[in-house]
Amino acid sequence: MEALTERIWGLVMEHGPSVVYALVILIVGLTVCRIVRAAVRKTLTRARVDATLVPFISKMVYYLSLTFVMVFVLARFGIETTSIIAVLGGAALAVGLALQGTLGNFAAGVMLLVFRPFEVGDAVDAGGTMGKVIEIGIFCTTLHSPDNVKIIVPNSSIYGAIIKNFSANDTRRNDLVMGIDYGDNIGTAMDVIRRVLEADDRVLKDPEALIAIGELADSSVNILVRPWCKKEDYWPLRFDLMRTLKEQLEAAGCSLPFPQTDVHLHQASG
């Protein structure tokens, strides 16, 4: 018993300070990790980062900090941590290669949530898909098409492509082309178009609408009609103008020719 007691005491004297020091490091490290997690969460919230992204990033920072603390604690016990770090690095590489596509979607989702090229409720053309944004997730974005079809698009397909946000600006320009016959009076047609635009309250005075000859086409003289309106009036105004302009131009004696081909026959002599 005396020999056992002396051996135990010797072990305590030899390793006791290291154990106490490791426990202190562990307790302090856990406290610091919690403080860092709270600070990251608070910073992201103040920066108005998306609420879906805040807890995810804060947890990742917490577990990464905790990993460093555990490695440091093991080093105080004399355990070789180089191999542990190598194993963790290899595991991270393997997971990264296995989840390459998923991680790409995640990275693109983070960029979408941070830089905000569009928001929920916007009408967009994202990655060649048009629709209204319903949800911006970490891995994919949900859209509703104009005919009310739910579309789920991977974030990597959106962030790596051209994004058109139709709701970003308060005003939009309607681009219409009205074709009249070559025998019609151009001045009369342009006056009719101008009166139609001035009579519609949805057409903005500033910027001024453009009315100009755009092309001398094969079958018609094409007049460019480009009025500005509020973004919510874009489609209703476009539909109404197409009908009203046709009716008013025809009432003024102008015709809207359709594509046609003139065939000339020549009688061969003899």
Protein backbone atom coordinates (compact mmCIF):
# COMPACT_ATOMS: atom_id res chain seq x y z
CA MET A 1 0.00 0.00 0.00
CA GLU A 2 2.83 2.33 0.84
CA ALA A 3 4.47 1.62 -2.52
CA LEU A 4 1.16 2.06 -4.35
CA THR A 5 0.50 5.31 -2.55
CA GLU A 6 3.93 6.59 -3.45
CA ARG A 7 3.42 5.62 -7.09
CA ILE A 8 0.05 7.36 -7.26
CA TRP A 9 1.46 10.43 -5.61
CA GLY A 10 4.33 10.43 -8.04
CA LEU A 11 1.91 10.28 -10.99
CA VAL A 12 -0.14 13.10 -9.51
CA MET A 13 2.96 15.24 -9.02
CA GLU A 14 4.17 14.40 -12.52
CA HIS A 15 0.93 14.80 -14.50
CA GLY A 16 -1.26 16.74 -12.11
CA PRO A 17 -0.24 20.23 -13.28
CA SER A 18 -0.76 19.19 -16.91
CA VAL A 19 -4.22 17.81 -16.14
CA VAL A 20 -5.23 20.94 -14.23
CA TYR A 21 -3.80 23.15 -16.96
CA ALA A 22 -5.68 21.15 -19.62
CA LEU A 23 -8.94 21.43 -17.67
CA VAL A 24 -8.47 25.17 -17.31
CA ILE A 25 -7.78 25.47 -21.03
CA LEU A 26 -10.90 23.39 -21.79
CA ILE A 27 -13.16 25.47 -19.56
CA VAL A 28 -11.76 28.78 -20.82
CA GLY A 29 -11.87 27.51 -24.41
CA LEU A 30 -15.53 26.50 -24.15
CA THR A 31 -16.38 29.89 -22.71
CA VAL A 32 -14.48 31.70 -25.45
CA CYS A 33 -16.18 29.56 -28.13
CA ARG A 34 -19.61 30.51 -26.77
CA ILE A 35 -18.62 34.18 -26.66
CA VAL A 36 -17.34 34.02 -30.25
CA ARG A 37 -20.55 32.30 -31.39
CA ALA A 38 -22.69 34.98 -29.75
CA ALA A 39 -20.52 37.75 -31.22
CA VAL A 40 -20.75 36.28 -34.72
CA ARG A 41 -24.52 35.92 -34.41
CA LYS A 42 -24.87 39.50 -33.19
CA THR A 43 -22.61 40.86 -35.95
CA LEU A 44 -24.49 39.01 -38.68
CA THR A 45 -27.83 40.18 -37.30
CA ARG A 46 -26.67 43.80 -37.26
CA ALA A 47 -25.40 43.39 -40.83
CA ARG A 48 -28.92 42.24 -41.78
CA VAL A 49 -27.73 38.89 -43.09
CA ASP A 50 -30.56 36.50 -43.90
CA ALA A 51 -32.07 34.88 -40.80
CA THR A 52 -31.61 31.41 -42.32
CA LEU A 53 -27.87 31.97 -42.65
CA VAL A 54 -27.14 33.45 -39.20
CA PRO A 55 -27.49 30.29 -37.04
CA PHE A 56 -25.70 28.14 -39.61
CA ILE A 57 -22.61 30.38 -39.79
CA SER A 58 -22.50 30.89 -36.03
CA LYS A 59 -22.62 27.14 -35.41
CA MET A 60 -19.87 26.49 -37.94
CA VAL A 61 -17.65 29.09 -36.27
CA TYR A 62 -18.42 27.55 -32.85
CA TYR A 63 -17.53 23.99 -33.86
CA LEU A 64 -14.41 25.11 -35.70
CA SER A 65 -13.21 27.00 -32.62
CA LEU A 66 -14.08 24.01 -30.43
CA THR A 67 -11.96 21.76 -32.65
CA PHE A 68 -8.91 23.97 -32.13
CA VAL A 69 -9.52 23.98 -28.37
CA MET A 70 -9.70 20.16 -28.21
CA VAL A 71 -6.51 19.79 -30.25
CA PHE A 72 -4.72 22.19 -27.90
CA VAL A 73 -6.01 20.30 -24.84
CA LEU A 74 -4.79 16.97 -26.21
CA ALA A 75 -1.40 18.52 -26.88
CA ARG A 76 -1.12 19.41 -23.17
CA PHE A 77 -1.43 15.69 -22.36
CA GLY A 78 1.51 14.92 -24.63
CA ILE A 79 -0.62 13.39 -27.36
CA GLU A 80 0.77 13.92 -30.86
CA THR A 81 -1.76 16.15 -32.61
CA THR A 82 -0.09 16.24 -36.03
CA SER A 83 -1.69 12.95 -37.03
CA ILE A 84 -5.07 14.11 -35.71
CA ILE A 85 -4.90 17.28 -37.79
CA ALA A 86 -3.87 15.24 -40.83
CA VAL A 87 -6.84 12.88 -40.33
CA LEU A 88 -9.24 15.80 -39.95
CA GLY A 89 -7.84 17.41 -43.09
CA GLY A 90 -8.16 14.18 -45.05
CA ALA A 91 -11.71 13.67 -43.83
CA ALA A 92 -12.63 17.23 -44.78
CA LEU A 93 -11.13 16.73 -48.25
CA ALA A 94 -13.02 13.46 -48.76
CA VAL A 95 -16.31 15.00 -47.65
CA GLY A 96 -15.69 18.01 -49.86
CA LEU A 97 -15.08 15.84 -52.93
CA ALA A 98 -18.13 13.68 -52.20
CA LEU A 99 -20.37 16.71 -51.71
CA GLN A 100 -18.86 18.88 -54.42
CA GLY A 101 -22.18 19.68 -56.08
CA THR A 102 -23.94 20.24 -52.75
CA LEU A 103 -21.17 22.49 -51.50
CA GLY A 104 -21.34 24.45 -54.76
CA ASN A 105 -25.05 25.02 -54.22
CA PHE A 106 -24.36 26.00 -50.62
CA ALA A 107 -21.65 28.50 -51.60
CA ALA A 108 -23.95 29.99 -54.25
CA GLY A 109 -26.77 30.18 -51.69
CA VAL A 110 -24.52 32.07 -49.29
CA MET A 111 -23.60 34.54 -52.04
CA LEU A 112 -27.26 35.04 -52.97
CA LEU A 113 -28.22 35.68 -49.35
CA VAL A 114 -25.31 38.05 -48.76
CA PHE A 115 -25.33 40.13 -51.98
CA ARG A 116 -29.11 39.97 -52.56
CA PRO A 117 -29.45 40.23 -56.37
CA PHE A 118 -33.15 39.56 -55.74
CA GLU A 119 -35.52 39.16 -52.80
CA VAL A 120 -38.60 37.14 -52.00
CA GLY A 121 -41.50 38.43 -54.07
CA ASP A 122 -39.40 39.69 -56.99
CA ALA A 123 -40.14 38.63 -60.57
CA VAL A 124 -36.88 37.34 -62.02
CA ASP A 125 -35.25 35.45 -64.85
CA ALA A 126 -32.67 33.39 -62.95
CA GLY A 127 -30.56 30.86 -64.79
CA GLY A 128 -32.99 30.85 -67.71
CA THR A 129 -36.01 30.23 -65.45
CA MET A 130 -38.65 32.93 -65.10
CA GLY A 131 -40.96 33.28 -62.12
CA LYS A 132 -41.74 34.94 -58.82
CA VAL A 133 -39.32 34.23 -55.98
CA ILE A 134 -41.01 32.36 -53.15
CA GLU A 135 -38.03 31.24 -51.06
CA ILE A 136 -34.25 31.66 -51.13
CA GLY A 137 -32.77 28.60 -49.43
CA ILE A 138 -29.24 27.53 -48.61
CA PHE A 139 -29.10 24.98 -51.43
CA CYS A 140 -31.91 25.94 -53.83
CA THR A 141 -34.32 28.74 -54.71
CA THR A 142 -38.06 28.22 -55.15
CA LEU A 143 -39.96 30.08 -57.87
CA HIS A 144 -43.56 30.18 -59.02
CA SER A 145 -43.90 30.45 -62.79
CA PRO A 146 -46.48 32.81 -64.39
CA ASP A 147 -48.80 29.82 -64.87
CA ASN A 148 -48.41 28.95 -61.16
CA VAL A 149 -46.00 26.02 -61.44
CA LYS A 150 -43.61 25.52 -58.54
CA ILE A 151 -40.00 25.46 -59.79
CA ILE A 152 -37.00 24.52 -57.62
CA VAL A 153 -33.68 25.73 -59.06
CA PRO A 154 -30.23 24.80 -57.64
CA ASN A 155 -28.44 27.90 -56.42
CA SER A 156 -25.30 27.10 -58.43
CA SER A 157 -27.37 27.32 -61.63
CA ILE A 158 -28.58 30.78 -60.61
CA TYR A 159 -25.47 32.50 -59.25
CA GLY A 160 -23.28 31.35 -62.13
CA ALA A 161 -25.69 32.66 -64.78
CA ILE A 162 -27.24 35.97 -65.84
CA ILE A 163 -29.92 37.21 -63.44
CA LYS A 164 -32.66 39.57 -64.62
CA ASN A 165 -34.66 41.18 -61.84
CA PHE A 166 -37.84 42.71 -63.27
CA SER A 167 -38.89 44.10 -59.88
CA ALA A 168 -35.66 45.87 -58.92
CA ASN A 169 -36.53 49.25 -60.50
CA ASP A 170 -39.69 51.25 -59.91
CA THR A 171 -40.25 51.97 -63.62
CA ARG A 172 -40.06 49.93 -66.81
CA ARG A 173 -40.23 50.66 -70.53
CA ASN A 174 -42.75 48.97 -72.82
CA ASP A 175 -41.26 48.25 -76.24
CA LEU A 176 -43.93 47.98 -78.96
CA VAL A 177 -43.66 47.91 -82.74
CA MET A 178 -46.61 49.09 -84.84
CA GLY A 179 -46.39 48.45 -88.59
CA ILE A 180 -48.29 50.57 -91.12
CA ASP A 181 -48.63 50.25 -94.88
CA TYR A 182 -46.18 52.05 -97.17
CA GLY A 183 -49.08 54.00 -98.61
CA ASP A 184 -50.24 55.32 -95.20
CA ASN A 185 -49.40 58.79 -93.91
CA ILE A 186 -46.61 58.45 -91.35
CA GLY A 187 -47.39 61.79 -89.66
CA THR A 188 -51.03 60.80 -89.14
CA ALA A 189 -50.02 57.44 -87.64
CA MET A 190 -47.53 59.04 -85.24
CA ASP A 191 -50.10 61.66 -84.14
CA VAL A 192 -52.62 58.90 -83.40
CA ILE A 193 -50.05 56.98 -81.37
CA ARG A 194 -49.10 60.12 -79.43
CA ARG A 195 -52.75 60.88 -78.58
CA VAL A 196 -53.29 57.31 -77.34
CA LEU A 197 -50.27 57.52 -75.06
CA GLU A 198 -51.24 60.93 -73.69
CA ALA A 199 -54.75 59.71 -72.91
CA ASP A 200 -53.50 56.84 -70.75
CA ASP A 201 -52.69 57.91 -67.18
CA ARG A 202 -50.39 54.92 -66.69
CA VAL A 203 -47.90 56.29 -69.23
CA LEU A 204 -45.31 58.41 -67.40
CA LYS A 205 -44.47 61.91 -68.59
CA ASP A 206 -40.87 61.54 -67.44
CA PRO A 207 -39.05 59.82 -69.07
CA GLU A 208 -40.78 60.87 -72.27
CA ALA A 209 -42.17 58.16 -74.53
CA LEU A 210 -40.30 57.47 -77.74
CA ILE A 211 -42.22 57.40 -81.05
CA ALA A 212 -39.94 56.95 -84.07
CA ILE A 213 -39.54 55.11 -87.35
CA GLY A 214 -37.57 52.01 -86.52
CA GLU A 215 -37.39 50.09 -89.78
CA LEU A 216 -38.50 50.06 -93.39
CA ALA A 217 -39.40 46.39 -93.41
CA ASP A 218 -40.36 44.15 -96.32
CA SER A 219 -44.11 44.57 -95.86
CA SER A 220 -44.53 47.57 -93.53
CA VAL A 221 -43.10 50.76 -92.09
CA ASN A 222 -42.37 49.85 -88.46
CA ILE A 223 -42.95 52.55 -85.85
CA LEU A 224 -41.24 52.12 -82.47
CA VAL A 225 -43.54 52.92 -79.53
CA ARG A 226 -41.69 52.96 -76.19
CA PRO A 227 -43.64 54.44 -73.26
CA TRP A 228 -42.49 54.27 -69.62
CA CYS A 229 -44.71 53.12 -66.77
CA LYS A 230 -44.59 51.84 -63.20
CA LYS A 231 -43.46 48.25 -62.89
CA GLU A 232 -46.86 47.07 -61.64
CA ASP A 233 -48.55 48.59 -64.73
CA TYR A 234 -46.23 46.97 -67.28
CA TRP A 235 -48.35 44.06 -68.48
CA PRO A 236 -51.82 45.69 -68.16
CA LEU A 237 -50.57 48.73 -70.08
CA ARG A 238 -48.95 46.59 -72.76
CA PHE A 239 -52.08 44.55 -73.37
CA ASP A 240 -54.33 47.63 -73.50
CA LEU A 241 -52.01 49.59 -75.79
CA MET A 242 -51.77 46.77 -78.32
CA ARG A 243 -55.54 46.76 -78.76
CA THR A 244 -56.13 50.52 -78.53
CA LEU A 245 -53.35 51.39 -80.98
CA LYS A 246 -54.65 48.93 -83.56
CA GLU A 247 -58.19 50.22 -83.28
CA GLN A 248 -57.21 53.90 -83.39
CA LEU A 249 -54.80 53.49 -86.30
CA GLU A 250 -57.43 51.67 -88.34
CA ALA A 251 -60.01 54.34 -87.44
CA ALA A 252 -57.59 57.00 -88.75
CA GLY A 253 -57.33 55.21 -92.10
CA CYS A 254 -54.06 53.40 -91.48
CA SER A 255 -53.73 49.71 -92.20
CA LEU A 256 -51.66 47.14 -90.34
CA PRO A 257 -50.22 44.98 -93.12
CA PHE A 258 -49.33 41.35 -92.66
CA PRO A 259 -46.28 39.78 -94.33
CA GLN A 260 -46.96 39.40 -98.05
CA THR A 261 -45.17 38.76 -101.31
CA ASP A 262 -45.96 40.39 -104.67
CA VAL A 263 -45.58 38.10 -107.70
CA HIS A 264 -45.14 39.78 -111.12
CA LEU A 265 -45.79 37.68 -114.24
CA HIS A 266 -44.14 38.62 -117.54
CA GLN A 267 -45.41 37.14 -120.79
CA ALA A 268 -42.54 35.65 -122.75
CA SER A 269 -42.43 36.70 -126.42
CA GLY A 270 -42.88 34.04 -129.18
